[in-house]
Amino acid sequence: MGIPEDLGLEVGDLVKVRKGDIVYEGIVMPKHSYSAPDILVIKLGSGYNIGVRIDSSTYIEVISRRKPGDQRQRMISPTPKGSGSSVKVIGTGVR
């Protein structure tokens, strides 16, 4: 299994992770294939994802659990043609 399952956490849970004097708060994210087995990935409020190495000195508090079926979807509404909004891309070199 691995972290987060071994800790009883699910993707989407809001957690507080304390390692010594450092405290992180964020949403549990799925692990990627490059994560070590003892790493918990959380999304911080700033939007950054971080990996926290879990060991015997780590304290994890579940602030709230993800509700079943609670999937946040972002809908991007298309801009109608002729609305005046446009995106311009400028290439400044070749690499």
Protein backbone atom coordinates (compact mmCIF):
# COMPACT_ATOMS: atom_id res chain seq x y z
CA MET A 1 0.00 0.00 0.00
CA GLY A 2 2.19 2.85 1.22
CA ILE A 3 1.58 6.35 2.42
CA PRO A 4 -1.11 7.79 2.62
CA GLU A 5 -3.12 4.54 2.86
CA ASP A 6 -0.97 3.09 5.67
CA LEU A 7 -1.79 6.17 7.76
CA GLY A 8 -5.54 5.90 7.19
CA LEU A 9 -5.51 8.99 4.96
CA GLU A 10 -7.30 9.41 1.66
CA VAL A 11 -6.58 11.69 -1.25
CA GLY A 12 -8.50 14.91 -0.62
CA ASP A 13 -8.25 14.85 3.19
CA LEU A 14 -7.17 18.13 4.78
CA VAL A 15 -4.26 17.47 7.16
CA LYS A 16 -1.82 19.24 9.43
CA VAL A 17 1.67 17.69 9.43
CA ARG A 18 4.10 18.58 12.21
CA LYS A 19 7.82 17.76 12.02
CA GLY A 20 9.63 19.33 14.94
CA ASP A 21 8.96 23.07 14.85
CA ILE A 22 7.70 23.03 11.25
CA VAL A 23 3.97 22.69 10.55
CA TYR A 24 2.45 22.16 7.11
CA GLU A 25 -1.26 22.25 6.35
CA GLY A 26 -2.67 21.01 3.09
CA ILE A 27 -4.70 18.53 1.08
CA VAL A 28 -3.44 14.97 0.64
CA MET A 29 -2.51 14.40 -3.00
CA PRO A 30 -1.95 11.19 -4.93
CA LYS A 31 1.64 9.97 -5.07
CA HIS A 32 3.51 9.92 -8.32
CA SER A 33 5.76 7.15 -9.56
CA TYR A 34 8.93 8.95 -8.42
CA SER A 35 7.88 9.29 -4.75
CA ALA A 36 9.73 7.27 -2.14
CA PRO A 37 7.50 4.97 -0.05
CA ASP A 38 7.79 7.17 3.07
CA ILE A 39 6.76 10.45 1.40
CA LEU A 40 3.35 12.08 1.88
CA VAL A 41 2.44 14.59 -0.85
CA ILE A 42 0.26 17.53 0.18
CA LYS A 43 -0.98 20.62 -1.65
CA LEU A 44 -0.37 23.76 0.38
CA GLY A 45 -2.70 26.75 0.44
CA SER A 46 -0.28 28.53 -1.88
CA GLY A 47 -0.96 25.91 -4.55
CA TYR A 48 2.45 24.28 -4.31
CA ASN A 49 2.71 20.52 -3.81
CA ILE A 50 5.34 19.32 -1.35
CA GLY A 51 6.54 15.91 -0.25
CA VAL A 52 7.02 15.35 3.48
CA ARG A 53 9.12 12.41 4.69
CA ILE A 54 7.09 10.55 7.32
CA ASP A 55 9.04 9.03 10.21
CA SER A 56 8.53 8.30 13.91
CA SER A 57 8.88 12.00 14.82
CA THR A 58 6.10 13.11 12.43
CA TYR A 59 2.67 14.00 13.84
CA ILE A 60 -0.31 14.07 11.46
CA GLU A 61 -3.70 15.53 12.38
CA VAL A 62 -6.69 15.11 10.07
CA ILE A 63 -8.54 18.42 10.00
CA SER A 64 -11.33 17.23 7.72
CA ARG A 65 -12.09 14.22 5.57
CA ARG A 66 -12.98 14.39 1.92
CA LYS A 67 -16.67 13.72 1.52
CA PRO A 68 -17.54 10.84 -0.83
CA GLY A 69 -18.35 12.21 -4.27
CA ASP A 70 -16.77 15.58 -3.43
CA GLN A 71 -14.92 16.26 -6.64
CA ARG A 72 -14.12 19.81 -7.45
CA GLN A 73 -14.32 20.50 -11.12
CA ARG A 74 -13.16 23.64 -12.76
CA MET A 75 -15.25 24.74 -15.67
CA ILE A 76 -13.76 27.14 -18.14
CA SER A 77 -16.42 28.93 -20.06
CA PRO A 78 -15.38 29.67 -23.62
CA THR A 79 -15.19 33.29 -24.64
CA PRO A 80 -17.62 33.99 -27.46
CA LYS A 81 -16.00 35.02 -30.75
CA GLY A 82 -15.88 38.72 -31.25
CA SER A 83 -16.01 39.51 -27.54
CA GLY A 84 -12.79 41.48 -27.80
CA SER A 85 -10.75 39.09 -25.69
CA SER A 86 -7.77 37.50 -27.35
CA VAL A 87 -4.46 35.91 -26.54
CA LYS A 88 -1.32 36.85 -28.39
CA VAL A 89 1.85 34.78 -28.29
CA ILE A 90 5.19 36.34 -29.11
CA GLY A 91 8.19 34.11 -29.83
CA THR A 92 11.49 35.76 -28.97
CA GLY A 93 13.98 33.08 -29.87
CA VAL A 94 14.71 29.46 -30.56
CA ARG A 95 16.21 27.15 -28.06
